C-alpha atoms as a PDB file:
ATOM      1  CA  MET A   1      -7.267   6.256   6.082  1.00  0.00           C
ATOM      2  CA  THR A   2     -10.338   8.234   5.055  1.00  0.00           C
ATOM      3  CA  GLN A   3      -8.886   9.871   1.961  1.00  0.00           C
ATOM      4  CA  ALA A   4      -6.044   9.127  -0.396  1.00  0.00           C
ATOM      5  CA  LEU A   5      -2.770  10.898   0.165  1.00  0.00           C
ATOM      6  CA  GLU A   6      -1.955  13.482  -2.457  1.00  0.00           C
ATOM      7  CA  PRO A   7       1.476  13.416  -4.125  1.00  0.00           C
ATOM      8  CA  SER A   8       3.874  16.162  -3.072  1.00  0.00           C
ATOM      9  CA  THR A   9       6.616  17.426  -5.365  1.00  0.00           C
ATOM     10  CA  GLY A  10       8.561  18.709  -2.345  1.00  0.00           C
ATOM     11  CA  VAL A  11       8.488  15.303  -0.688  1.00  0.00           C
ATOM     12  CA  GLN A  12       9.443  13.637  -3.957  1.00  0.00           C
ATOM     13  CA  ARG A  13      12.453  15.959  -4.385  1.00  0.00           C
ATOM     14  CA  ALA A  14      13.606  15.083  -0.859  1.00  0.00           C
ATOM     15  CA  LEU A  15      13.174  11.369  -1.573  1.00  0.00           C
ATOM     16  CA  LEU A  16      15.171  11.616  -4.800  1.00  0.00           C
ATOM     17  CA  ALA A  17      17.939  13.324  -2.828  1.00  0.00           C
ATOM     18  CA  ALA A  18      17.819  10.525  -0.256  1.00  0.00           C
ATOM     19  CA  TYR A  19      18.056   7.905  -3.000  1.00  0.00           C
ATOM     20  CA  GLY A  20      20.844   9.848  -4.689  1.00  0.00           C
ATOM     21  CA  GLY A  21      23.248   9.227  -1.845  1.00  0.00           C
ATOM     22  CA  ASP A  22      22.570   5.481  -1.951  1.00  0.00           C
ATOM     23  CA  GLY A  23      23.359   5.286   1.756  1.00  0.00           C
ATOM     24  CA  GLU A  24      21.246   4.674   4.832  1.00  0.00           C
ATOM     25  CA  PRO A  25      18.437   7.067   3.796  1.00  0.00           C
ATOM     26  CA  ALA A  26      17.999   5.104   0.552  1.00  0.00           C
ATOM     27  CA  GLN A  27      17.915   1.860   2.523  1.00  0.00           C
ATOM     28  CA  VAL A  28      15.238   3.265   4.841  1.00  0.00           C
ATOM     29  CA  CYS A  29      13.176   4.259   1.791  1.00  0.00           C
ATOM     30  CA  GLU A  30      13.498   0.740   0.395  1.00  0.00           C
ATOM     31  CA  ARG A  31      12.418  -0.824   3.697  1.00  0.00           C
ATOM     32  CA  MET A  32       9.381   1.502   3.723  1.00  0.00           C
ATOM     33  CA  ILE A  33       8.514   0.274   0.212  1.00  0.00           C
ATOM     34  CA  ASP A  34       8.930  -3.329   1.394  1.00  0.00           C
ATOM     35  CA  PHE A  35       6.639  -2.644   4.353  1.00  0.00           C
ATOM     36  CA  ASP A  36       4.033  -0.945   2.173  1.00  0.00           C
ATOM     37  CA  GLU A  37       4.111  -3.806  -0.313  1.00  0.00           C
ATOM     38  CA  GLY A  38       3.696  -6.314   2.517  1.00  0.00           C
ATOM     39  CA  VAL A  39       0.678  -4.474   3.902  1.00  0.00           C
ATOM     40  CA  MET A  40      -0.931  -4.335   0.462  1.00  0.00           C
ATOM     41  CA  GLU A  41      -0.290  -8.066   0.006  1.00  0.00           C
ATOM     42  CA  TRP A  42      -1.779  -8.811   3.433  1.00  0.00           C
ATOM     43  CA  CYS A  43      -4.850  -6.709   2.551  1.00  0.00           C
ATOM     44  CA  TYR A  44      -5.290  -8.640  -0.696  1.00  0.00           C
ATOM     45  CA  ARG A  45      -5.114 -11.970   1.138  1.00  0.00           C
ATOM     46  CA  HIS A  46      -7.527 -10.684   3.783  1.00  0.00           C
ATOM     47  CA  ILE A  47     -10.034  -9.720   1.088  1.00  0.00           C
ATOM     48  CA  GLN A  48      -9.794 -13.184  -0.438  1.00  0.00           C
ATOM     49  CA  MET A  49     -10.391 -14.773   2.983  1.00  0.00           C
ATOM     50  CA  VAL A  50     -13.444 -12.579   3.597  1.00  0.00           C
ATOM     51  CA  ARG A  51     -14.856 -13.524   0.191  1.00  0.00           C
ATOM     52  CA  ARG A  52     -14.718 -17.261   0.938  1.00  0.00           C
ATOM     53  CA  PRO A  53     -17.918 -18.813   2.212  1.00  0.00           C
ATOM     54  CA  SER A  54     -17.763 -20.186   5.719  1.00  0.00           C
ATOM     55  CA  ALA A  55     -18.120 -23.895   6.456  1.00  0.00           C
ATOM     56  CA  THR A  56     -21.626 -23.256   7.804  1.00  0.00           C
ATOM     57  CA  GLY A  57     -22.827 -21.471   4.671  1.00  0.00           C
ATOM     58  CA  ALA A  58     -22.443 -18.246   2.753  1.00  0.00           C
ATOM     59  CA  ARG A  59     -21.861 -15.036   4.677  1.00  0.00           C
ATOM     60  CA  PRO A  60     -23.833 -12.245   2.975  1.00  0.00           C
ATOM     61  CA  ALA A  61     -22.436  -9.578   5.321  1.00  0.00           C
ATOM     62  CA  ALA A  62     -18.918 -10.563   4.318  1.00  0.00           C
ATOM     63  CA  SER A  63     -19.519  -9.535   0.701  1.00  0.00           C
ATOM     64  CA  ALA A  64     -20.115  -5.910   1.741  1.00  0.00           C
ATOM     65  CA  GLY A  65     -16.952  -6.030   3.833  1.00  0.00           C
ATOM     66  CA  ALA A  66     -14.973  -7.479   0.954  1.00  0.00           C
ATOM     67  CA  GLN A  67     -16.278  -4.782  -1.386  1.00  0.00           C
ATOM     68  CA  TYR A  68     -15.144  -2.071   1.032  1.00  0.00           C
ATOM     69  CA  LEU A  69     -11.743  -3.696   1.567  1.00  0.00           C
ATOM     70  CA  ALA A  70     -11.253  -3.948  -2.202  1.00  0.00           C
ATOM     71  CA  THR A  71     -11.600  -0.159  -2.480  1.00  0.00           C
ATOM     72  CA  THR A  72      -8.701   0.326  -0.061  1.00  0.00           C
ATOM     73  CA  LEU A  73      -6.330  -2.112  -1.768  1.00  0.00           C
ATOM     74  CA  PRO A  74      -4.770   0.002  -4.520  1.00  0.00           C
ATOM     75  CA  ARG A  75      -3.803   2.810  -2.122  1.00  0.00           C
ATOM     76  CA  PRO A  76      -0.195   2.673  -1.022  1.00  0.00           C
ATOM     77  CA  ALA A  77       0.684   4.274   2.315  1.00  0.00           C
ATOM     78  CA  PHE A  78       3.714   5.993   0.750  1.00  0.00           C
ATOM     79  CA  PRO A  79       2.630   7.158  -2.731  1.00  0.00           C
ATOM     80  CA  ASP A  80       5.558   9.552  -3.098  1.00  0.00           C
ATOM     81  CA  LEU A  81       8.032   6.725  -2.546  1.00  0.00           C
ATOM     82  CA  TRP A  82       6.348   4.676  -5.256  1.00  0.00           C
ATOM     83  CA  ALA A  83       6.310   7.691  -7.602  1.00  0.00           C
ATOM     84  CA  VAL A  84      10.027   8.419  -7.319  1.00  0.00           C
ATOM     85  CA  ARG A  85      11.062   4.804  -7.860  1.00  0.00           C
ATOM     86  CA  THR A  86      10.177   5.215 -11.547  1.00  0.00           C
ATOM     87  CA  GLU A  87      12.618   8.120 -11.777  1.00  0.00           C
ATOM     88  CA  LEU A  88      15.629   6.277 -10.355  1.00  0.00           C
END
């Protein structure tokens, strides 16, 4: 992803409607949140692995990679889903 997704009030209204029924659409939304959370957790663990020195010595190139990866961590793939969860 080259740029952060911008929140959309139209998408958020549709998501609130999906959650309002508490049926299958709400369950799909929750599974998307679970997936997004899992990806963010995996990214965090990947960053920590990249930051560790190798057994043969420090890896200076890895620090630049870890710095880049750290900038991508706080970005959820589904920001509108995260935004509406506070309104439920």
